[in-house]
Amino acid sequence: VSLLRSGPQAVRLRISVDGRVRMEELVCDGALVSTPA
């Protein structure tokens, strides 16, 4: 599952794992979560 910017600017994402915020701000073109396959 991927998140991608759909505009000209980088996106800002907050990342939480199991309800706990692990990263307040990630500035990037996108992010993804991948299975081993």
Full PDB file with SEQRES, HELIX, SHEET, SSBOND, CRYST1, ORIGX, SCALE, CONECT and MASTER records, all heavy atoms in Angstrom:
SEQRES   1 A   37  VAL SER LEU LEU ARG SER GLY PRO GLN ALA VAL ARG LEU          
SEQRES   2 A   37  ARG ILE SER VAL ASP GLY ARG VAL ARG MET GLU GLU LEU          
SEQRES   3 A   37  VAL CYS ASP GLY ALA LEU VAL SER THR PRO ALA                  
SHEET    1 AA1 2 SER A   2  LEU A   4  0                                        
SHEET    2 AA1 2 GLY A  30  LEU A  32 -1                                        
SHEET    1 AA2 2 VAL A  11  VAL A  17  0                                        
SHEET    2 AA2 2 ARG A  20  CYS A  28 -1                                        
CRYST1    1.000    1.000    1.000  90.00  90.00  90.00 P 1           1          
ORIGX1      1.000000  0.000000  0.000000        0.00000                         
ORIGX2      0.000000  1.000000  0.000000        0.00000                         
ORIGX3      0.000000  0.000000  1.000000        0.00000                         
SCALE1      1.000000  0.000000  0.000000        0.00000                         
SCALE2      0.000000  1.000000  0.000000        0.00000                         
SCALE3      0.000000  0.000000  1.000000        0.00000                         
ATOM      1  N   VAL A   1       0.873  -1.167   0.000  1.00  0.00           N  
ATOM      2  CA  VAL A   1       0.000   0.000   0.000  1.00  0.00           C  
ATOM      3  C   VAL A   1       0.914   1.222   0.000  1.00  0.00           C  
ATOM      4  O   VAL A   1       1.823   1.323   0.835  1.00  0.00           O  
ATOM      5  CB  VAL A   1      -0.929   0.043   1.223  1.00  0.00           C  
ATOM      6  CG1 VAL A   1      -1.676   1.370   1.284  1.00  0.00           C  
ATOM      7  CG2 VAL A   1      -1.915  -1.115   1.187  1.00  0.00           C  
ATOM      8  N   SER A   2       0.688   2.123  -0.950  1.00  0.00           N  
ATOM      9  CA  SER A   2       1.563   3.285  -1.068  1.00  0.00           C  
ATOM     10  C   SER A   2       0.772   4.576  -0.973  1.00  0.00           C  
ATOM     11  O   SER A   2      -0.407   4.633  -1.337  1.00  0.00           O  
ATOM     12  CB  SER A   2       2.324   3.253  -2.400  1.00  0.00           C  
ATOM     13  OG  SER A   2       1.419   3.198  -3.494  1.00  0.00           O  
ATOM     14  N   LEU A   3       1.420   5.603  -0.445  1.00  0.00           N  
ATOM     15  CA  LEU A   3       0.893   6.962  -0.426  1.00  0.00           C  
ATOM     16  C   LEU A   3       1.810   7.804  -1.295  1.00  0.00           C  
ATOM     17  O   LEU A   3       3.038   7.773  -1.125  1.00  0.00           O  
ATOM     18  CB  LEU A   3       0.850   7.530   0.989  1.00  0.00           C  
ATOM     19  CG  LEU A   3      -0.303   7.083   1.899  1.00  0.00           C  
ATOM     20  CD1 LEU A   3      -0.093   5.658   2.383  1.00  0.00           C  
ATOM     21  CD2 LEU A   3      -0.444   8.035   3.075  1.00  0.00           C  
ATOM     22  N   LEU A   4       1.218   8.553  -2.231  1.00  0.00           N  
ATOM     23  CA  LEU A   4       2.002   9.314  -3.187  1.00  0.00           C  
ATOM     24  C   LEU A   4       1.485  10.746  -3.267  1.00  0.00           C  
ATOM     25  O   LEU A   4       0.270  10.967  -3.205  1.00  0.00           O  
ATOM     26  CB  LEU A   4       1.911   8.676  -4.579  1.00  0.00           C  
ATOM     27  CG  LEU A   4       2.350   7.214  -4.686  1.00  0.00           C  
ATOM     28  CD1 LEU A   4       1.886   6.636  -6.008  1.00  0.00           C  
ATOM     29  CD2 LEU A   4       3.856   7.110  -4.549  1.00  0.00           C  
ATOM     30  N   ARG A   5       2.388  11.677  -3.435  1.00  0.00           N  
ATOM     31  CA  ARG A   5       1.946  13.053  -3.618  1.00  0.00           C  
ATOM     32  C   ARG A   5       1.191  13.151  -4.944  1.00  0.00           C  
ATOM     33  O   ARG A   5       1.563  12.529  -5.937  1.00  0.00           O  
ATOM     34  CB  ARG A   5       3.120  14.009  -3.589  1.00  0.00           C  
ATOM     35  CG  ARG A   5       3.992  13.986  -4.832  1.00  0.00           C  
ATOM     36  CD  ARG A   5       5.083  15.041  -4.741  1.00  0.00           C  
ATOM     37  NE  ARG A   5       5.774  15.209  -6.026  1.00  0.00           N  
ATOM     38  CZ  ARG A   5       6.769  16.046  -6.220  1.00  0.00           C  
ATOM     39  NH1 ARG A   5       7.219  16.775  -5.216  1.00  0.00           N  
ATOM     40  NH2 ARG A   5       7.326  16.147  -7.405  1.00  0.00           N  
ATOM     41  N   SER A   6       0.118  13.922  -4.971  1.00  0.00           N  
ATOM     42  CA  SER A   6      -0.631  14.126  -6.210  1.00  0.00           C  
ATOM     43  C   SER A   6      -0.648  15.597  -6.605  1.00  0.00           C  
ATOM     44  O   SER A   6      -1.493  16.027  -7.383  1.00  0.00           O  
ATOM     45  CB  SER A   6      -2.066  13.598  -6.073  1.00  0.00           C  
ATOM     46  OG  SER A   6      -2.715  14.135  -4.948  1.00  0.00           O  
ATOM     47  N   GLY A   7       0.313  16.352  -6.082  1.00  0.00           N  
ATOM     48  CA  GLY A   7       0.484  17.759  -6.418  1.00  0.00           C  
ATOM     49  C   GLY A   7       1.961  18.054  -6.600  1.00  0.00           C  
ATOM     50  O   GLY A   7       2.806  17.151  -6.513  1.00  0.00           O  
ATOM     51  N   PRO A   8       2.319  19.306  -6.830  1.00  0.00           N  
ATOM     52  CA  PRO A   8       3.719  19.648  -7.119  1.00  0.00           C  
ATOM     53  C   PRO A   8       4.633  19.668  -5.896  1.00  0.00           C  
ATOM     54  O   PRO A   8       5.852  19.649  -6.040  1.00  0.00           O  
ATOM     55  CB  PRO A   8       3.613  21.051  -7.733  1.00  0.00           C  
ATOM     56  CG  PRO A   8       2.361  21.620  -7.138  1.00  0.00           C  
ATOM     57  CD  PRO A   8       1.419  20.469  -6.979  1.00  0.00           C  
ATOM     58  N   GLN A   9       4.058  19.688  -4.692  1.00  0.00           N  
ATOM     59  CA  GLN A   9       4.871  19.826  -3.487  1.00  0.00           C  
ATOM     60  C   GLN A   9       5.007  18.496  -2.749  1.00  0.00           C  
ATOM     61  O   GLN A   9       4.153  17.615  -2.848  1.00  0.00           O  
ATOM     62  CB  GLN A   9       4.249  20.865  -2.553  1.00  0.00           C  
ATOM     63  CG  GLN A   9       4.250  22.280  -3.115  1.00  0.00           C  
ATOM     64  CD  GLN A   9       3.595  23.258  -2.167  1.00  0.00           C  
ATOM     65  OE1 GLN A   9       2.426  23.139  -1.837  1.00  0.00           O  
ATOM     66  NE2 GLN A   9       4.371  24.237  -1.704  1.00  0.00           N  
ATOM     67  N   ALA A  10       6.104  18.372  -2.012  1.00  0.00           N  
ATOM     68  CA  ALA A  10       6.289  17.199  -1.164  1.00  0.00           C  
ATOM     69  C   ALA A  10       5.167  17.128  -0.128  1.00  0.00           C  
ATOM     70  O   ALA A  10       4.588  18.149   0.254  1.00  0.00           O  
ATOM     71  CB  ALA A  10       7.646  17.267  -0.463  1.00  0.00           C  
ATOM     72  N   VAL A  11       4.864  15.920   0.320  1.00  0.00           N  
ATOM     73  CA  VAL A  11       3.791  15.739   1.294  1.00  0.00           C  
ATOM     74  C   VAL A  11       4.369  15.678   2.705  1.00  0.00           C  
ATOM     75  O   VAL A  11       5.553  15.414   2.902  1.00  0.00           O  
ATOM     76  CB  VAL A  11       2.972  14.463   0.994  1.00  0.00           C  
ATOM     77  CG1 VAL A  11       2.352  14.560  -0.387  1.00  0.00           C  
ATOM     78  CG2 VAL A  11       3.845  13.211   1.108  1.00  0.00           C  
ATOM     79  N   ARG A  12       3.507  15.926   3.671  1.00  0.00           N  
ATOM     80  CA  ARG A  12       3.890  15.867   5.081  1.00  0.00           C  
ATOM     81  C   ARG A  12       3.007  14.821   5.744  1.00  0.00           C  
ATOM     82  O   ARG A  12       1.777  14.937   5.730  1.00  0.00           O  
ATOM     83  CB  ARG A  12       3.731  17.236   5.746  1.00  0.00           C  
ATOM     84  CG  ARG A  12       4.608  18.317   5.150  1.00  0.00           C  
ATOM     85  CD  ARG A  12       4.223  19.708   5.633  1.00  0.00           C  
ATOM     86  NE  ARG A  12       4.252  19.798   7.087  1.00  0.00           N  
ATOM     87  CZ  ARG A  12       3.260  20.314   7.820  1.00  0.00           C  
ATOM     88  NH1 ARG A  12       2.144  20.749   7.222  1.00  0.00           N  
ATOM     89  NH2 ARG A  12       3.357  20.381   9.122  1.00  0.00           N  
ATOM     90  N   LEU A  13       3.643  13.806   6.333  1.00  0.00           N  
ATOM     91  CA  LEU A  13       2.919  12.684   6.921  1.00  0.00           C  
ATOM     92  C   LEU A  13       3.311  12.513   8.379  1.00  0.00           C  
ATOM     93  O   LEU A  13       4.491  12.642   8.744  1.00  0.00           O  
ATOM     94  CB  LEU A  13       3.237  11.383   6.170  1.00  0.00           C  
ATOM     95  CG  LEU A  13       2.991  11.361   4.664  1.00  0.00           C  
ATOM     96  CD1 LEU A  13       3.524  10.059   4.067  1.00  0.00           C  
ATOM     97  CD2 LEU A  13       1.515  11.528   4.357  1.00  0.00           C  
ATOM     98  N   ARG A  14       2.320  12.215   9.226  1.00  0.00           N  
ATOM     99  CA  ARG A  14       2.586  11.758  10.585  1.00  0.00           C  
ATOM    100  C   ARG A  14       2.410  10.246  10.588  1.00  0.00           C  
ATOM    101  O   ARG A  14       1.432   9.713  10.051  1.00  0.00           O  
ATOM    102  CB  ARG A  14       1.627  12.400  11.584  1.00  0.00           C  
ATOM    103  CG  ARG A  14       1.869  11.918  13.036  1.00  0.00           C  
ATOM    104  CD  ARG A  14       0.784  12.390  13.983  1.00  0.00           C  
ATOM    105  NE  ARG A  14       0.695  13.846  14.004  1.00  0.00           N  
ATOM    106  CZ  ARG A  14      -0.386  14.529  13.688  1.00  0.00           C  
ATOM    107  NH1 ARG A  14      -1.492  13.885  13.311  1.00  0.00           N  
ATOM    108  NH2 ARG A  14      -0.394  15.841  13.739  1.00  0.00           N  
ATOM    109  N   ILE A  15       3.348   9.520  11.220  1.00  0.00           N  
ATOM    110  CA  ILE A  15       3.321   8.059  11.206  1.00  0.00           C  
ATOM    111  C   ILE A  15       3.090   7.535  12.623  1.00  0.00           C  
ATOM    112  O   ILE A  15       3.837   7.877  13.552  1.00  0.00           O  
ATOM    113  CB  ILE A  15       4.633   7.472  10.666  1.00  0.00           C  
ATOM    114  CG1 ILE A  15       4.909   8.010   9.247  1.00  0.00           C  
ATOM    115  CG2 ILE A  15       4.570   5.945  10.647  1.00  0.00           C  
ATOM    116  CD1 ILE A  15       6.262   7.581   8.702  1.00  0.00           C  
ATOM    117  N   SER A  16       2.059   6.692  12.764  1.00  0.00           N  
ATOM    118  CA  SER A  16       1.780   6.036  14.041  1.00  0.00           C  
ATOM    119  C   SER A  16       1.810   4.524  13.834  1.00  0.00           C  
ATOM    120  O   SER A  16       1.425   4.026  12.770  1.00  0.00           O  
ATOM    121  CB  SER A  16       0.407   6.444  14.585  1.00  0.00           C  
ATOM    122  OG  SER A  16       0.323   7.848  14.760  1.00  0.00           O  
ATOM    123  N   VAL A  17       2.262   3.807  14.847  1.00  0.00           N  
ATOM    124  CA  VAL A  17       2.295   2.346  14.820  1.00  0.00           C  
ATOM    125  C   VAL A  17       1.581   1.843  16.069  1.00  0.00           C  
ATOM    126  O   VAL A  17       1.966   2.191  17.189  1.00  0.00           O  
ATOM    127  CB  VAL A  17       3.740   1.798  14.768  1.00  0.00           C  
ATOM    128  CG1 VAL A  17       3.725   0.274  14.758  1.00  0.00           C  
ATOM    129  CG2 VAL A  17       4.473   2.329  13.544  1.00  0.00           C  
ATOM    130  N   ASP A  18       0.539   1.088  15.868  1.00  0.00           N  
ATOM    131  CA  ASP A  18      -0.266   0.547  16.970  1.00  0.00           C  
ATOM    132  C   ASP A  18      -0.723   1.654  17.931  1.00  0.00           C  
ATOM    133  O   ASP A  18      -0.672   1.508  19.156  1.00  0.00           O  
ATOM    134  CB  ASP A  18       0.508  -0.533  17.721  1.00  0.00           C  
ATOM    135  CG  ASP A  18       0.718  -1.782  16.880  1.00  0.00           C  
ATOM    136  OD1 ASP A  18      -0.109  -2.044  15.985  1.00  0.00           O  
ATOM    137  OD2 ASP A  18       1.719  -2.490  17.105  1.00  0.00           O  
ATOM    138  N   GLY A  19      -1.152   2.763  17.338  1.00  0.00           N  
ATOM    139  CA  GLY A  19      -1.717   3.844  18.127  1.00  0.00           C  
ATOM    140  C   GLY A  19      -0.714   4.790  18.753  1.00  0.00           C  
ATOM    141  O   GLY A  19      -1.109   5.782  19.385  1.00  0.00           O  
ATOM    142  N   ARG A  20       0.559   4.552  18.560  1.00  0.00           N  
ATOM    143  CA  ARG A  20       1.591   5.410  19.141  1.00  0.00           C  
ATOM    144  C   ARG A  20       2.305   6.171  18.027  1.00  0.00           C  
ATOM    145  O   ARG A  20       2.788   5.560  17.069  1.00  0.00           O  
ATOM    146  CB  ARG A  20       2.597   4.573  19.924  1.00  0.00           C  
ATOM    147  CG  ARG A  20       3.726   5.379  20.556  1.00  0.00           C  
ATOM    148  CD  ARG A  20       4.620   4.476  21.378  1.00  0.00           C  
ATOM    149  NE  ARG A  20       5.756   5.198  21.927  1.00  0.00           N  
ATOM    150  CZ  ARG A  20       6.713   4.647  22.666  1.00  0.00           C  
ATOM    151  NH1 ARG A  20       6.647   3.339  22.955  1.00  0.00           N  
ATOM    152  NH2 ARG A  20       7.719   5.357  23.127  1.00  0.00           N  
ATOM    153  N   VAL A  21       2.375   7.492  18.148  1.00  0.00           N  
ATOM    154  CA  VAL A  21       3.051   8.296  17.131  1.00  0.00           C  
ATOM    155  C   VAL A  21       4.546   8.005  17.178  1.00  0.00           C  
ATOM    156  O   VAL A  21       5.188   8.136  18.217  1.00  0.00           O  
ATOM    157  CB  VAL A  21       2.793   9.802  17.349  1.00  0.00           C  
ATOM    158  CG1 VAL A  21       3.612  10.620  16.354  1.00  0.00           C  
ATOM    159  CG2 VAL A  21       1.318  10.117  17.217  1.00  0.00           C  
ATOM    160  N   ARG A  22       5.074   7.576  16.026  1.00  0.00           N  
ATOM    161  CA  ARG A  22       6.495   7.251  15.939  1.00  0.00           C  
ATOM    162  C   ARG A  22       7.288   8.317  15.191  1.00  0.00           C  
ATOM    163  O   ARG A  22       8.495   8.437  15.367  1.00  0.00           O  
ATOM    164  CB  ARG A  22       6.674   5.905  15.238  1.00  0.00           C  
ATOM    165  CG  ARG A  22       6.176   4.726  16.041  1.00  0.00           C  
ATOM    166  CD  ARG A  22       7.036   4.518  17.278  1.00  0.00           C  
ATOM    167  NE  ARG A  22       6.640   3.326  18.030  1.00  0.00           N  
ATOM    168  CZ  ARG A  22       7.306   2.872  19.088  1.00  0.00           C  
ATOM    169  NH1 ARG A  22       8.384   3.500  19.520  1.00  0.00           N  
ATOM    170  NH2 ARG A  22       6.882   1.792  19.737  1.00  0.00           N  
ATOM    171  N   MET A  23       6.620   9.071  14.336  1.00  0.00           N  
ATOM    172  CA  MET A  23       7.292  10.156  13.617  1.00  0.00           C  
ATOM    173  C   MET A  23       6.281  11.276  13.433  1.00  0.00           C  
ATOM    174  O   MET A  23       5.249  11.096  12.777  1.00  0.00           O  
ATOM    175  CB  MET A  23       7.846   9.679  12.275  1.00  0.00           C  
ATOM    176  CG  MET A  23       8.633  10.751  11.531  1.00  0.00           C  
ATOM    177  SD  MET A  23       9.494  10.108  10.075  1.00  0.00           S  
ATOM    178  CE  MET A  23      10.799   9.135  10.864  1.00  0.00           C  
ATOM    179  N   GLU A  24       6.586  12.431  14.024  1.00  0.00           N  
ATOM    180  CA  GLU A  24       5.657  13.557  13.971  1.00  0.00           C  
ATOM    181  C   GLU A  24       5.507  14.111  12.560  1.00  0.00           C  
ATOM    182  O   GLU A  24       4.426  14.529  12.174  1.00  0.00           O  
ATOM    183  CB  GLU A  24       6.110  14.664  14.920  1.00  0.00           C  
ATOM    184  CG  GLU A  24       5.921  14.343  16.392  1.00  0.00           C  
ATOM    185  CD  GLU A  24       4.448  14.381  16.807  1.00  0.00           C  
ATOM    186  OE1 GLU A  24       3.602  14.788  15.992  1.00  0.00           O  
ATOM    187  OE2 GLU A  24       4.163  14.005  17.954  1.00  0.00           O  
ATOM    188  N   GLU A  25       6.592  14.111  11.799  1.00  0.00           N  
ATOM    189  CA  GLU A  25       6.502  14.656  10.451  1.00  0.00           C  
ATOM    190  C   GLU A  25       7.555  14.014   9.551  1.00  0.00           C  
ATOM    191  O   GLU A  25       8.751  14.048   9.853  1.00  0.00           O  
ATOM    192  CB  GLU A  25       6.688  16.168  10.454  1.00  0.00           C  
ATOM    193  CG  GLU A  25       6.548  16.786   9.068  1.00  0.00           C  
ATOM    194  CD  GLU A  25       6.788  18.288   9.071  1.00  0.00           C  
ATOM    195  OE1 GLU A  25       7.957  18.703   9.293  1.00  0.00           O  
ATOM    196  OE2 GLU A  25       5.826  19.036   8.867  1.00  0.00           O  
ATOM    197  N   LEU A  26       7.067  13.419   8.463  1.00  0.00           N  
ATOM    198  CA  LEU A  26       7.935  12.930   7.399  1.00  0.00           C  
ATOM    199  C   LEU A  26       7.606  13.740   6.151  1.00  0.00           C  
ATOM    200  O   LEU A  26       6.471  13.726   5.684  1.00  0.00           O  
ATOM    201  CB  LEU A  26       7.695  11.435   7.139  1.00  0.00           C  
ATOM    202  CG  LEU A  26       8.375  10.843   5.905  1.00  0.00           C  
ATOM    203  CD1 LEU A  26       9.899  10.873   6.055  1.00  0.00           C  
ATOM    204  CD2 LEU A  26       7.893   9.410   5.660  1.00  0.00           C  
ATOM    205  N   VAL A  27       8.601  14.449   5.632  1.00  0.00           N  
ATOM    206  CA  VAL A  27       8.428  15.224   4.402  1.00  0.00           C  
ATOM    207  C   VAL A  27       9.050  14.423   3.270  1.00  0.00           C  
ATOM    208  O   VAL A  27      10.247  14.101   3.315  1.00  0.00           O  
ATOM    209  CB  VAL A  27       9.086  16.613   4.513  1.00  0.00           C  
ATOM    210  CG1 VAL A  27       8.867  17.411   3.225  1.00  0.00           C  
ATOM    211  CG2 VAL A  27       8.542  17.359   5.716  1.00  0.00           C  
ATOM    212  N   CYS A  28       8.245  14.086   2.249  1.00  0.00           N  
ATOM    213  CA  CYS A  28       8.700  13.133   1.247  1.00  0.00           C  
ATOM    214  C   CYS A  28       7.799  13.196   0.022  1.00  0.00           C  
ATOM    215  O   CYS A  28       6.795  13.909  -0.001  1.00  0.00           O  
ATOM    216  CB  CYS A  28       8.682  11.723   1.831  1.00  0.00           C  
ATOM    217  SG  CYS A  28       7.043  11.247   2.447  1.00  0.00           S  
ATOM    218  N   ASP A  29       8.159  12.425  -1.000  1.00  0.00           N  
ATOM    219  CA  ASP A  29       7.271  12.269  -2.152  1.00  0.00           C  
ATOM    220  C   ASP A  29       6.180  11.243  -1.873  1.00  0.00           C  
ATOM    221  O   ASP A  29       5.159  11.216  -2.556  1.00  0.00           O  
ATOM    222  CB  ASP A  29       8.060  11.835  -3.380  1.00  0.00           C  
ATOM    223  CG  ASP A  29       8.753  13.001  -4.069  1.00  0.00           C  
ATOM    224  OD1 ASP A  29       8.505  14.158  -3.677  1.00  0.00           O  
ATOM    225  OD2 ASP A  29       9.538  12.761  -4.999  1.00  0.00           O  
ATOM    226  N   GLY A  30       6.423  10.378  -0.886  1.00  0.00           N  
ATOM    227  CA  GLY A  30       5.443   9.363  -0.536  1.00  0.00           C  
ATOM    228  C   GLY A  30       6.043   8.335   0.396  1.00  0.00           C  
ATOM    229  O   GLY A  30       7.208   8.431   0.797  1.00  0.00           O  
ATOM    230  N   ALA A  31       5.239   7.347   0.766  1.00  0.00           N  
ATOM    231  CA  ALA A  31       5.695   6.265   1.645  1.00  0.00           C  
ATOM    232  C   ALA A  31       4.860   5.034   1.333  1.00  0.00           C  
ATOM    233  O   ALA A  31       3.770   5.130   0.755  1.00  0.00           O  
ATOM    234  CB  ALA A  31       5.560   6.659   3.114  1.00  0.00           C  
ATOM    235  N   LEU A  32       5.377   3.885   1.707  1.00  0.00           N  
ATOM    236  CA  LEU A  32       4.647   2.644   1.456  1.00  0.00           C  
ATOM    237  C   LEU A  32       4.892   1.646   2.570  1.00  0.00           C  
ATOM    238  O   LEU A  32       5.894   1.716   3.294  1.00  0.00           O  
ATOM    239  CB  LEU A  32       5.018   2.052   0.103  1.00  0.00           C  
ATOM    240  CG  LEU A  32       6.466   1.621  -0.155  1.00  0.00           C  
ATOM    241  CD1 LEU A  32       6.759   0.213   0.371  1.00  0.00           C  
ATOM    242  CD2 LEU A  32       6.775   1.655  -1.651  1.00  0.00           C  
ATOM    243  N   VAL A  33       3.959   0.703   2.672  1.00  0.00           N  
ATOM    244  CA  VAL A  33       4.111  -0.464   3.544  1.00  0.00           C  
ATOM    245  C   VAL A  33       4.041  -1.684   2.643  1.00  0.00           C  
ATOM    246  O   VAL A  33       3.098  -1.835   1.850  1.00  0.00           O  
ATOM    247  CB  VAL A  33       3.014  -0.521   4.621  1.00  0.00           C  
ATOM    248  CG1 VAL A  33       3.138  -1.808   5.435  1.00  0.00           C  
ATOM    249  CG2 VAL A  33       3.102   0.694   5.545  1.00  0.00           C  
ATOM    250  N   SER A  34       5.040  -2.559   2.752  1.00  0.00           N  
ATOM    251  CA  SER A  34       5.163  -3.695   1.843  1.00  0.00           C  
ATOM    252  C   SER A  34       5.149  -5.017   2.592  1.00  0.00           C  
ATOM    253  O   SER A  34       5.672  -5.126   3.708  1.00  0.00           O  
ATOM    254  CB  SER A  34       6.467  -3.589   1.041  1.00  0.00           C  
ATOM    255  OG  SER A  34       6.717  -4.774   0.313  1.00  0.00           O  
ATOM    256  N   THR A  35       4.564  -6.030   1.965  1.00  0.00           N  
ATOM    257  CA  THR A  35       4.666  -7.403   2.442  1.00  0.00           C  
ATOM    258  C   THR A  35       5.995  -7.992   1.976  1.00  0.00           C  
ATOM    259  O   THR A  35       6.645  -7.452   1.072  1.00  0.00           O  
ATOM    260  CB  THR A  35       3.522  -8.251   1.873  1.00  0.00           C  
ATOM    261  OG1 THR A  35       3.689  -8.345   0.441  1.00  0.00           O  
ATOM    262  CG2 THR A  35       2.168  -7.648   2.187  1.00  0.00           C  
ATOM    263  N   PRO A  36       6.416  -9.131   2.537  1.00  0.00           N  
ATOM    264  CA  PRO A  36       7.610  -9.791   1.994  1.00  0.00           C  
ATOM    265  C   PRO A  36       7.478 -10.122   0.507  1.00  0.00           C  
ATOM    266  O   PRO A  36       8.429  -9.938  -0.255  1.00  0.00           O  
ATOM    267  CB  PRO A  36       7.714 -11.057   2.849  1.00  0.00           C  
ATOM    268  CG  PRO A  36       7.128 -10.657   4.161  1.00  0.00           C  
ATOM    269  CD  PRO A  36       5.984  -9.757   3.803  1.00  0.00           C  
ATOM    270  N   ALA A  37       6.300 -10.582   0.073  1.00  0.00           N  
ATOM    271  CA  ALA A  37       6.114 -10.933  -1.337  1.00  0.00           C  
ATOM    272  C   ALA A  37       6.267  -9.724  -2.241  1.00  0.00           C  
ATOM    273  O   ALA A  37       6.730  -9.839  -3.379  1.00  0.00           O  
ATOM    274  CB  ALA A  37       4.742 -11.568  -1.548  1.00  0.00           C  
TER     275      ALA A  37                                                      
MASTER        0    0    0    0    4    0    0    6  274    1    0    3          
END                                                                             
